[in-house]
Amino acid sequence: MDKHVAEIVTFKLAEGVSEAEFIVLSQASESFVRAQPGFVHRQLSCGEDGRWTDYVIWADMETAKSVAAEFHKQDFCASLMQAIAEGTAQMRHEEVQWSMAS
């Protein structure tokens, strides 16, 4: 059985982009992400240091990498990427080893 995979993207916002503006831009990707087979969960957070984390759980590694490749081809992506400070985005995929829910 394949393990779930966490797609973790960390970044800072481009100068002049507000938190509210970025959330709206992120929400534009919701229907695309939800429609992907293997989508489990997604959350977006921001730390006190201004670093954001987009955290997505996928059913398996193949799905995570496939969707990541397609994400950049979507109409909403250019605006979303412009809102991220150049050189700050880092993406990685990790197998979930353990999880706990309420």
PDB file of N, CA and C in Angstrom:
ATOM      1  N   MET A   1       0.832  -1.185   0.000  1.00  0.00           N
ATOM      2  CA  MET A   1       0.000   0.000   0.000  1.00  0.00           C
ATOM      3  C   MET A   1       0.880   1.253   0.000  1.00  0.00           C
ATOM      4  N   ASP A   2       0.594   2.180  -0.901  1.00  0.00           N
ATOM      5  CA  ASP A   2       1.334   3.442  -0.951  1.00  0.00           C
ATOM      6  C   ASP A   2       1.011   4.298   0.264  1.00  0.00           C
ATOM      7  N   LYS A   3       2.006   5.041   0.710  1.00  0.00           N
ATOM      8  CA  LYS A   3       1.800   5.974   1.805  1.00  0.00           C
ATOM      9  C   LYS A   3       1.313   7.302   1.240  1.00  0.00           C
ATOM     10  N   HIS A   4       0.520   8.012   2.035  1.00  0.00           N
ATOM     11  CA  HIS A   4       0.162   9.366   1.645  1.00  0.00           C
ATOM     12  C   HIS A   4       1.428  10.198   1.522  1.00  0.00           C
ATOM     13  N   VAL A   5       1.354  11.246   0.721  1.00  0.00           N
ATOM     14  CA  VAL A   5       2.495  12.116   0.488  1.00  0.00           C
ATOM     15  C   VAL A   5       2.121  13.555   0.812  1.00  0.00           C
ATOM     16  N   ALA A   6       2.994  14.215   1.560  1.00  0.00           N
ATOM     17  CA  ALA A   6       2.818  15.638   1.856  1.00  0.00           C
ATOM     18  C   ALA A   6       3.609  16.439   0.833  1.00  0.00           C
ATOM     19  N   GLU A   7       2.922  17.372   0.187  1.00  0.00           N
ATOM     20  CA  GLU A   7       3.588  18.343  -0.673  1.00  0.00           C
ATOM     21  C   GLU A   7       3.693  19.617   0.158  1.00  0.00           C
ATOM     22  N   ILE A   8       4.907  20.047   0.424  1.00  0.00           N
ATOM     23  CA  ILE A   8       5.143  21.181   1.318  1.00  0.00           C
ATOM     24  C   ILE A   8       5.862  22.262   0.533  1.00  0.00           C
ATOM     25  N   VAL A   9       5.204  23.416   0.398  1.00  0.00           N
ATOM     26  CA  VAL A   9       5.789  24.539  -0.323  1.00  0.00           C
ATOM     27  C   VAL A   9       5.906  25.704   0.654  1.00  0.00           C
ATOM     28  N   THR A  10       7.124  26.203   0.843  1.00  0.00           N
ATOM     29  CA  THR A  10       7.334  27.360   1.714  1.00  0.00           C
ATOM     30  C   THR A  10       7.820  28.532   0.862  1.00  0.00           C
ATOM     31  N   PHE A  11       7.451  29.741   1.280  1.00  0.00           N
ATOM     32  CA  PHE A  11       7.765  30.936   0.491  1.00  0.00           C
ATOM     33  C   PHE A  11       7.431  32.181   1.289  1.00  0.00           C
ATOM     34  N   LYS A  12       7.857  33.326   0.755  1.00  0.00           N
ATOM     35  CA  LYS A  12       7.457  34.631   1.281  1.00  0.00           C
ATOM     36  C   LYS A  12       6.700  35.362   0.188  1.00  0.00           C
ATOM     37  N   LEU A  13       5.841  36.271   0.586  1.00  0.00           N
ATOM     38  CA  LEU A  13       5.066  37.033  -0.383  1.00  0.00           C
ATOM     39  C   LEU A  13       5.920  38.127  -1.010  1.00  0.00           C
ATOM     40  N   ALA A  14       5.612  38.447  -2.260  1.00  0.00           N
ATOM     41  CA  ALA A  14       6.267  39.547  -2.952  1.00  0.00           C
ATOM     42  C   ALA A  14       5.888  40.855  -2.259  1.00  0.00           C
ATOM     43  N   GLU A  15       6.770  41.822  -2.354  1.00  0.00           N
ATOM     44  CA  GLU A  15       6.514  43.115  -1.741  1.00  0.00           C
ATOM     45  C   GLU A  15       5.223  43.713  -2.295  1.00  0.00           C
ATOM     46  N   GLY A  16       4.400  44.230  -1.395  1.00  0.00           N
ATOM     47  CA  GLY A  16       3.150  44.869  -1.787  1.00  0.00           C
ATOM     48  C   GLY A  16       1.960  43.936  -1.864  1.00  0.00           C
ATOM     49  N   VAL A  17       2.165  42.624  -1.718  1.00  0.00           N
ATOM     50  CA  VAL A  17       1.061  41.657  -1.756  1.00  0.00           C
ATOM     51  C   VAL A  17       0.577  41.432  -0.321  1.00  0.00           C
ATOM     52  N   SER A  18      -0.703  41.680  -0.079  1.00  0.00           N
ATOM     53  CA  SER A  18      -1.246  41.500   1.264  1.00  0.00           C
ATOM     54  C   SER A  18      -1.638  40.045   1.505  1.00  0.00           C
ATOM     55  N   GLU A  19      -1.781  39.690   2.772  1.00  0.00           N
ATOM     56  CA  GLU A  19      -2.230  38.336   3.114  1.00  0.00           C
ATOM     57  C   GLU A  19      -3.583  38.053   2.475  1.00  0.00           C
ATOM     58  N   ALA A  20      -4.501  39.006   2.568  1.00  0.00           N
ATOM     59  CA  ALA A  20      -5.852  38.816   2.011  1.00  0.00           C
ATOM     60  C   ALA A  20      -5.793  38.596   0.501  1.00  0.00           C
ATOM     61  N   GLU A  21      -4.962  39.367  -0.201  1.00  0.00           N
ATOM     62  CA  GLU A  21      -4.826  39.210  -1.648  1.00  0.00           C
ATOM     63  C   GLU A  21      -4.274  37.826  -1.983  1.00  0.00           C
ATOM     64  N   PHE A  22      -3.293  37.382  -1.211  1.00  0.00           N
ATOM     65  CA  PHE A  22      -2.699  36.085  -1.508  1.00  0.00           C
ATOM     66  C   PHE A  22      -3.684  34.944  -1.256  1.00  0.00           C
ATOM     67  N   ILE A  23      -4.470  35.061  -0.218  1.00  0.00           N
ATOM     68  CA  ILE A  23      -5.463  34.017   0.065  1.00  0.00           C
ATOM     69  C   ILE A  23      -6.456  33.909  -1.087  1.00  0.00           C
ATOM     70  N   VAL A  24      -6.913  35.040  -1.609  1.00  0.00           N
ATOM     71  CA  VAL A  24      -7.832  35.020  -2.751  1.00  0.00           C
ATOM     72  C   VAL A  24      -7.169  34.346  -3.953  1.00  0.00           C
ATOM     73  N   LEU A  25      -5.906  34.689  -4.221  1.00  0.00           N
ATOM     74  CA  LEU A  25      -5.182  34.057  -5.327  1.00  0.00           C
ATOM     75  C   LEU A  25      -5.063  32.546  -5.123  1.00  0.00           C
ATOM     76  N   SER A  26      -4.809  32.133  -3.896  1.00  0.00           N
ATOM     77  CA  SER A  26      -4.691  30.697  -3.592  1.00  0.00           C
ATOM     78  C   SER A  26      -6.023  29.990  -3.772  1.00  0.00           C
ATOM     79  N   GLN A  27      -7.093  30.641  -3.360  1.00  0.00           N
ATOM     80  CA  GLN A  27      -8.417  30.035  -3.488  1.00  0.00           C
ATOM     81  C   GLN A  27      -8.811  29.825  -4.942  1.00  0.00           C
ATOM     82  N   ALA A  28      -8.219  30.578  -5.851  1.00  0.00           N
ATOM     83  CA  ALA A  28      -8.501  30.384  -7.280  1.00  0.00           C
ATOM     84  C   ALA A  28      -8.041  29.016  -7.767  1.00  0.00           C
ATOM     85  N   SER A  29      -7.124  28.389  -7.029  1.00  0.00           N
ATOM     86  CA  SER A  29      -6.633  27.060  -7.414  1.00  0.00           C
ATOM     87  C   SER A  29      -7.458  25.929  -6.797  1.00  0.00           C
ATOM     88  N   GLU A  30      -8.418  26.277  -5.958  1.00  0.00           N
ATOM     89  CA  GLU A  30      -9.160  25.260  -5.198  1.00  0.00           C
ATOM     90  C   GLU A  30      -9.882  24.249  -6.089  1.00  0.00           C
ATOM     91  N   SER A  31     -10.600  24.709  -7.089  1.00  0.00           N
ATOM     92  CA  SER A  31     -11.365  23.751  -7.897  1.00  0.00           C
ATOM     93  C   SER A  31     -10.435  22.795  -8.645  1.00  0.00           C
ATOM     94  N   PHE A  32      -9.284  23.302  -9.119  1.00  0.00           N
ATOM     95  CA  PHE A  32      -8.326  22.423  -9.785  1.00  0.00           C
ATOM     96  C   PHE A  32      -7.812  21.365  -8.818  1.00  0.00           C
ATOM     97  N   VAL A  33      -7.372  21.777  -7.638  1.00  0.00           N
ATOM     98  CA  VAL A  33      -6.807  20.836  -6.665  1.00  0.00           C
ATOM     99  C   VAL A  33      -7.851  19.827  -6.222  1.00  0.00           C
ATOM    100  N   ARG A  34      -9.049  20.296  -5.878  1.00  0.00           N
ATOM    101  CA  ARG A  34     -10.118  19.382  -5.431  1.00  0.00           C
ATOM    102  C   ARG A  34     -10.481  18.338  -6.484  1.00  0.00           C
ATOM    103  N   ALA A  35     -10.379  18.711  -7.752  1.00  0.00           N
ATOM    104  CA  ALA A  35     -10.780  17.812  -8.838  1.00  0.00           C
ATOM    105  C   ALA A  35      -9.766  16.706  -9.113  1.00  0.00           C
ATOM    106  N   GLN A  36      -8.580  16.795  -8.531  1.00  0.00           N
ATOM    107  CA  GLN A  36      -7.538  15.810  -8.810  1.00  0.00           C
ATOM    108  C   GLN A  36      -7.778  14.522  -8.034  1.00  0.00           C
ATOM    109  N   PRO A  37      -7.757  13.393  -8.731  1.00  0.00           N
ATOM    110  CA  PRO A  37      -7.865  12.119  -8.017  1.00  0.00           C
ATOM    111  C   PRO A  37      -6.681  12.007  -7.055  1.00  0.00           C
ATOM    112  N   GLY A  38      -6.938  11.586  -5.861  1.00  0.00           N
ATOM    113  CA  GLY A  38      -5.863  11.429  -4.890  1.00  0.00           C
ATOM    114  C   GLY A  38      -5.685  12.607  -3.966  1.00  0.00           C
ATOM    115  N   PHE A  39      -6.471  13.678  -4.155  1.00  0.00           N
ATOM    116  CA  PHE A  39      -6.398  14.810  -3.227  1.00  0.00           C
ATOM    117  C   PHE A  39      -7.014  14.399  -1.899  1.00  0.00           C
ATOM    118  N   VAL A  40      -6.315  14.700  -0.790  1.00  0.00           N
ATOM    119  CA  VAL A  40      -6.802  14.350   0.545  1.00  0.00           C
ATOM    120  C   VAL A  40      -7.088  15.599   1.376  1.00  0.00           C
ATOM    121  N   HIS A  41      -6.132  16.532   1.430  1.00  0.00           N
ATOM    122  CA  HIS A  41      -6.255  17.665   2.356  1.00  0.00           C
ATOM    123  C   HIS A  41      -5.314  18.781   1.918  1.00  0.00           C
ATOM    124  N   ARG A  42      -5.699  20.021   2.227  1.00  0.00           N
ATOM    125  CA  ARG A  42      -4.811  21.159   1.945  1.00  0.00           C
ATOM    126  C   ARG A  42      -5.012  22.238   3.003  1.00  0.00           C
ATOM    127  N   GLN A  43      -3.911  22.864   3.401  1.00  0.00           N
ATOM    128  CA  GLN A  43      -4.000  24.004   4.308  1.00  0.00           C
ATOM    129  C   GLN A  43      -2.886  24.984   3.979  1.00  0.00           C
ATOM    130  N   LEU A  44      -3.150  26.245   4.294  1.00  0.00           N
ATOM    131  CA  LEU A  44      -2.209  27.324   4.037  1.00  0.00           C
ATOM    132  C   LEU A  44      -1.984  28.050   5.355  1.00  0.00           C
ATOM    133  N   SER A  45      -0.725  28.256   5.714  1.00  0.00           N
ATOM    134  CA  SER A  45      -0.436  28.926   6.982  1.00  0.00           C
ATOM    135  C   SER A  45       0.667  29.955   6.774  1.00  0.00           C
ATOM    136  N   CYS A  46       0.766  30.882   7.748  1.00  0.00           N
ATOM    137  CA  CYS A  46       1.799  31.912   7.711  1.00  0.00           C
ATOM    138  C   CYS A  46       2.377  32.067   9.106  1.00  0.00           C
ATOM    139  N   GLY A  47       3.700  32.031   9.205  1.00  0.00           N
ATOM    140  CA  GLY A  47       4.377  32.160  10.486  1.00  0.00           C
ATOM    141  C   GLY A  47       4.645  33.610  10.852  1.00  0.00           C
ATOM    142  N   GLU A  48       5.050  33.805  12.075  1.00  0.00           N
ATOM    143  CA  GLU A  48       5.372  35.145  12.559  1.00  0.00           C
ATOM    144  C   GLU A  48       6.496  35.797  11.760  1.00  0.00           C
ATOM    145  N   ASP A  49       7.341  34.971  11.135  1.00  0.00           N
ATOM    146  CA  ASP A  49       8.459  35.499  10.344  1.00  0.00           C
ATOM    147  C   ASP A  49       8.056  35.869   8.910  1.00  0.00           C
ATOM    148  N   GLY A  50       6.770  35.702   8.582  1.00  0.00           N
ATOM    149  CA  GLY A  50       6.288  36.032   7.246  1.00  0.00           C
ATOM    150  C   GLY A  50       6.449  34.924   6.229  1.00  0.00           C
ATOM    151  N   ARG A  51       6.972  33.777   6.661  1.00  0.00           N
ATOM    152  CA  ARG A  51       7.117  32.639   5.751  1.00  0.00           C
ATOM    153  C   ARG A  51       5.799  31.868   5.720  1.00  0.00           C
ATOM    154  N   TRP A  52       5.329  31.600   4.515  1.00  0.00           N
ATOM    155  CA  TRP A  52       4.079  30.874   4.292  1.00  0.00           C
ATOM    156  C   TRP A  52       4.379  29.405   4.011  1.00  0.00           C
ATOM    157  N   THR A  53       3.403  28.549   4.318  1.00  0.00           N
ATOM    158  CA  THR A  53       3.485  27.130   3.992  1.00  0.00           C
ATOM    159  C   THR A  53       2.170  26.686   3.368  1.00  0.00           C
ATOM    160  N   ASP A  54       2.254  26.131   2.173  1.00  0.00           N
ATOM    161  CA  ASP A  54       1.109  25.507   1.503  1.00  0.00           C
ATOM    162  C   ASP A  54       1.345  24.011   1.650  1.00  0.00           C
ATOM    163  N   TYR A  55       0.462  23.344   2.379  1.00  0.00           N
ATOM    164  CA  TYR A  55       0.647  21.947   2.773  1.00  0.00           C
ATOM    165  C   TYR A  55      -0.492  21.131   2.184  1.00  0.00           C
ATOM    166  N   VAL A  56      -0.165  20.215   1.269  1.00  0.00           N
ATOM    167  CA  VAL A  56      -1.181  19.406   0.592  1.00  0.00           C
ATOM    168  C   VAL A  56      -0.874  17.930   0.823  1.00  0.00           C
ATOM    169  N   ILE A  57      -1.892  17.165   1.146  1.00  0.00           N
ATOM    170  CA  ILE A  57      -1.740  15.713   1.292  1.00  0.00           C
ATOM    171  C   ILE A  57      -2.360  15.043   0.071  1.00  0.00           C
ATOM    172  N   TRP A  58      -1.559  14.167  -0.541  1.00  0.00           N
ATOM    173  CA  TRP A  58      -1.984  13.396  -1.718  1.00  0.00           C
ATOM    174  C   TRP A  58      -1.984  11.917  -1.369  1.00  0.00           C
ATOM    175  N   ALA A  59      -2.692  11.136  -2.154  1.00  0.00           N
ATOM    176  CA  ALA A  59      -2.816   9.698  -1.910  1.00  0.00           C
ATOM    177  C   ALA A  59      -1.483   8.964  -2.049  1.00  0.00           C
ATOM    178  N   ASP A  60      -0.622   9.439  -2.956  1.00  0.00           N
ATOM    179  CA  ASP A  60       0.642   8.753  -3.197  1.00  0.00           C
ATOM    180  C   ASP A  60       1.614   9.683  -3.917  1.00  0.00           C
ATOM    181  N   MET A  61       2.857   9.275  -4.038  1.00  0.00           N
ATOM    182  CA  MET A  61       3.913  10.090  -4.635  1.00  0.00           C
ATOM    183  C   MET A  61       3.649  10.358  -6.116  1.00  0.00           C
ATOM    184  N   GLU A  62       3.201   9.358  -6.849  1.00  0.00           N
ATOM    185  CA  GLU A  62       2.938   9.535  -8.276  1.00  0.00           C
ATOM    186  C   GLU A  62       1.915  10.648  -8.507  1.00  0.00           C
ATOM    187  N   THR A  63       0.850  10.631  -7.723  1.00  0.00           N
ATOM    188  CA  THR A  63      -0.176  11.668  -7.844  1.00  0.00           C
ATOM    189  C   THR A  63       0.395  13.035  -7.498  1.00  0.00           C
ATOM    190  N   ALA A  64       1.123  13.130  -6.401  1.00  0.00           N
ATOM    191  CA  ALA A  64       1.682  14.412  -5.964  1.00  0.00           C
ATOM    192  C   ALA A  64       2.560  15.026  -7.054  1.00  0.00           C
ATOM    193  N   LYS A  65       3.436  14.247  -7.630  1.00  0.00           N
ATOM    194  CA  LYS A  65       4.351  14.767  -8.652  1.00  0.00           C
ATOM    195  C   LYS A  65       3.625  15.094  -9.953  1.00  0.00           C
ATOM    196  N   SER A  66       2.638  14.290 -10.300  1.00  0.00           N
ATOM    197  CA  SER A  66       1.866  14.534 -11.512  1.00  0.00           C
ATOM    198  C   SER A  66       1.070  15.835 -11.406  1.00  0.00           C
ATOM    199  N   VAL A  67       0.408  16.041 -10.281  1.00  0.00           N
ATOM    200  CA  VAL A  67      -0.381  17.258 -10.099  1.00  0.00           C
ATOM    201  C   VAL A  67       0.531  18.477 -10.019  1.00  0.00           C
ATOM    202  N   ALA A  68       1.675  18.355  -9.370  1.00  0.00           N
ATOM    203  CA  ALA A  68       2.617  19.473  -9.289  1.00  0.00           C
ATOM    204  C   ALA A  68       3.042  19.923 -10.691  1.00  0.00           C
ATOM    205  N   ALA A  69       3.244  18.976 -11.590  1.00  0.00           N
ATOM    206  CA  ALA A  69       3.634  19.309 -12.959  1.00  0.00           C
ATOM    207  C   ALA A  69       2.504  20.006 -13.715  1.00  0.00           C
ATOM    208  N   GLU A  70       1.281  19.580 -13.474  1.00  0.00           N
ATOM    209  CA  GLU A  70       0.118  20.168 -14.149  1.00  0.00           C
ATOM    210  C   GLU A  70      -0.291  21.512 -13.556  1.00  0.00           C
ATOM    211  N   PHE A  71      -0.029  21.721 -12.280  1.00  0.00           N
ATOM    212  CA  PHE A  71      -0.426  22.942 -11.569  1.00  0.00           C
ATOM    213  C   PHE A  71       0.105  24.174 -12.298  1.00  0.00           C
ATOM    214  N   HIS A  72       1.344  24.121 -12.729  1.00  0.00           N
ATOM    215  CA  HIS A  72       1.987  25.276 -13.353  1.00  0.00           C
ATOM    216  C   HIS A  72       1.436  25.600 -14.736  1.00  0.00           C
ATOM    217  N   LYS A  73       0.648  24.710 -15.304  1.00  0.00           N
ATOM    218  CA  LYS A  73       0.057  24.927 -16.626  1.00  0.00           C
ATOM    219  C   LYS A  73      -1.325  25.576 -16.542  1.00  0.00           C
ATOM    220  N   GLN A  74      -1.844  25.765 -15.335  1.00  0.00           N
ATOM    221  CA  GLN A  74      -3.202  26.273 -15.150  1.00  0.00           C
ATOM    222  C   GLN A  74      -3.244  27.803 -15.252  1.00  0.00           C
ATOM    223  N   ASP A  75      -4.395  28.330 -15.669  1.00  0.00           N
ATOM    224  CA  ASP A  75      -4.563  29.765 -15.869  1.00  0.00           C
ATOM    225  C   ASP A  75      -4.287  30.590 -14.614  1.00  0.00           C
ATOM    226  N   PHE A  76      -4.653  30.075 -13.461  1.00  0.00           N
ATOM    227  CA  PHE A  76      -4.490  30.821 -12.210  1.00  0.00           C
ATOM    228  C   PHE A  76      -3.034  30.905 -11.750  1.00  0.00           C
ATOM    229  N   CYS A  77      -2.173  30.069 -12.270  1.00  0.00           N
ATOM    230  CA  CYS A  77      -0.831  29.906 -11.727  1.00  0.00           C
ATOM    231  C   CYS A  77       0.052  31.146 -11.895  1.00  0.00           C
ATOM    232  N   ALA A  78      -0.004  31.822 -13.013  1.00  0.00           N
ATOM    233  CA  ALA A  78       0.876  32.969 -13.246  1.00  0.00           C
ATOM    234  C   ALA A  78       0.664  34.051 -12.183  1.00  0.00           C
ATOM    235  N   SER A  79      -0.584  34.371 -11.884  1.00  0.00           N
ATOM    236  CA  SER A  79      -0.874  35.391 -10.866  1.00  0.00           C
ATOM    237  C   SER A  79      -0.407  34.942  -9.492  1.00  0.00           C
ATOM    238  N   LEU A  80      -0.601  33.684  -9.192  1.00  0.00           N
ATOM    239  CA  LEU A  80      -0.187  33.136  -7.906  1.00  0.00           C
ATOM    240  C   LEU A  80       1.335  33.204  -7.762  1.00  0.00           C
ATOM    241  N   MET A  81       2.061  32.825  -8.800  1.00  0.00           N
ATOM    242  CA  MET A  81       3.518  32.842  -8.745  1.00  0.00           C
ATOM    243  C   MET A  81       4.071  34.270  -8.657  1.00  0.00           C
ATOM    244  N   GLN A  82       3.414  35.227  -9.296  1.00  0.00           N
ATOM    245  CA  GLN A  82       3.849  36.620  -9.234  1.00  0.00           C
ATOM    246  C   GLN A  82       3.699  37.196  -7.827  1.00  0.00           C
ATOM    247  N   ALA A  83       2.810  36.618  -7.027  1.00  0.00           N
ATOM    248  CA  ALA A  83       2.569  37.091  -5.663  1.00  0.00           C
ATOM    249  C   ALA A  83       3.598  36.538  -4.676  1.00  0.00           C
ATOM    250  N   ILE A  84       4.450  35.632  -5.135  1.00  0.00           N
ATOM    251  CA  ILE A  84       5.481  35.017  -4.290  1.00  0.00           C
ATOM    252  C   ILE A  84       6.819  35.700  -4.571  1.00  0.00           C
ATOM    253  N   ALA A  85       7.523  36.062  -3.516  1.00  0.00           N
ATOM    254  CA  ALA A  85       8.812  36.734  -3.665  1.00  0.00           C
ATOM    255  C   ALA A  85       9.786  35.825  -4.425  1.00  0.00           C
ATOM    256  N   GLU A  86      10.418  36.399  -5.409  1.00  0.00           N
ATOM    257  CA  GLU A  86      11.355  35.654  -6.251  1.00  0.00           C
ATOM    258  C   GLU A  86      12.456  35.014  -5.410  1.00  0.00           C
ATOM    259  N   GLY A  87      12.707  33.746  -5.689  1.00  0.00           N
ATOM    260  CA  GLY A  87      13.789  33.024  -5.024  1.00  0.00           C
ATOM    261  C   GLY A  87      13.454  32.485  -3.643  1.00  0.00           C
ATOM    262  N   THR A  88      12.215  32.660  -3.184  1.00  0.00           N
ATOM    263  CA  THR A  88      11.886  32.199  -1.834  1.00  0.00           C
ATOM    264  C   THR A  88      11.128  30.874  -1.801  1.00  0.00           C
ATOM    265  N   ALA A  89      10.568  30.457  -2.923  1.00  0.00           N
ATOM    266  CA  ALA A  89       9.746  29.246  -2.931  1.00  0.00           C
ATOM    267  C   ALA A  89      10.604  27.979  -2.913  1.00  0.00           C
ATOM    268  N   GLN A  90      10.246  27.080  -2.024  1.00  0.00           N
ATOM    269  CA  GLN A  90      10.888  25.765  -1.945  1.00  0.00           C
ATOM    270  C   GLN A  90       9.789  24.719  -1.832  1.00  0.00           C
ATOM    271  N   MET A  91       9.837  23.706  -2.708  1.00  0.00           N
ATOM    272  CA  MET A  91       8.833  22.643  -2.677  1.00  0.00           C
ATOM    273  C   MET A  91       9.526  21.314  -2.439  1.00  0.00           C
ATOM    274  N   ARG A  92       8.892  20.505  -1.616  1.00  0.00           N
ATOM    275  CA  ARG A  92       9.389  19.144  -1.424  1.00  0.00           C
ATOM    276  C   ARG A  92       8.200  18.203  -1.237  1.00  0.00           C
ATOM    277  N   HIS A  93       8.436  16.934  -1.518  1.00  0.00           N
ATOM    278  CA  HIS A  93       7.440  15.882  -1.320  1.00  0.00           C
ATOM    279  C   HIS A  93       8.004  14.892  -0.315  1.00  0.00           C
ATOM    280  N   GLU A  94       7.197  14.552   0.678  1.00  0.00           N
ATOM    281  CA  GLU A  94       7.628  13.630   1.734  1.00  0.00           C
ATOM    282  C   GLU A  94       6.553  12.578   1.980  1.00  0.00           C
ATOM    283  N   GLU A  95       6.971  11.331   2.188  1.00  0.00           N
ATOM    284  CA  GLU A  95       6.011  10.293   2.574  1.00  0.00           C
ATOM    285  C   GLU A  95       5.565  10.530   4.014  1.00  0.00           C
ATOM    286  N   VAL A  96       4.274  10.500   4.226  1.00  0.00           N
ATOM    287  CA  VAL A  96       3.726  10.669   5.568  1.00  0.00           C
ATOM    288  C   VAL A  96       3.998   9.365   6.346  1.00  0.00           C
ATOM    289  N   GLN A  97       4.677   9.486   7.437  1.00  0.00           N
ATOM    290  CA  GLN A  97       5.040   8.315   8.245  1.00  0.00           C
ATOM    291  C   GLN A  97       4.039   8.040   9.360  1.00  0.00           C
ATOM    292  N   TRP A  98       3.356   9.108   9.789  1.00  0.00           N
ATOM    293  CA  TRP A  98       2.392   8.973  10.880  1.00  0.00           C
ATOM    294  C   TRP A  98       1.512  10.197  10.872  1.00  0.00           C
ATOM    295  N   SER A  99       0.259  10.046  11.215  1.00  0.00           N
ATOM    296  CA  SER A  99      -0.628  11.205  11.305  1.00  0.00           C
ATOM    297  C   SER A  99      -1.648  10.974  12.421  1.00  0.00           C
ATOM    298  N   MET A 100      -2.191  12.079  12.889  1.00  0.00           N
ATOM    299  CA  MET A 100      -3.181  12.030  13.963  1.00  0.00           C
ATOM    300  C   MET A 100      -4.228  13.086  13.675  1.00  0.00           C
ATOM    301  N   ALA A 101      -5.472  12.759  13.785  1.00  0.00           N
ATOM    302  CA  ALA A 101      -6.557  13.722  13.577  1.00  0.00           C
ATOM    303  C   ALA A 101      -7.433  13.778  14.824  1.00  0.00           C
ATOM    304  N   SER A 102      -8.188  14.840  14.911  1.00  0.00           N
ATOM    305  CA  SER A 102      -9.067  14.975  16.085  1.00  0.00           C
ATOM    306  C   SER A 102     -10.234  14.034  16.007  1.00  0.00           C
TER     307      SER A 102
END
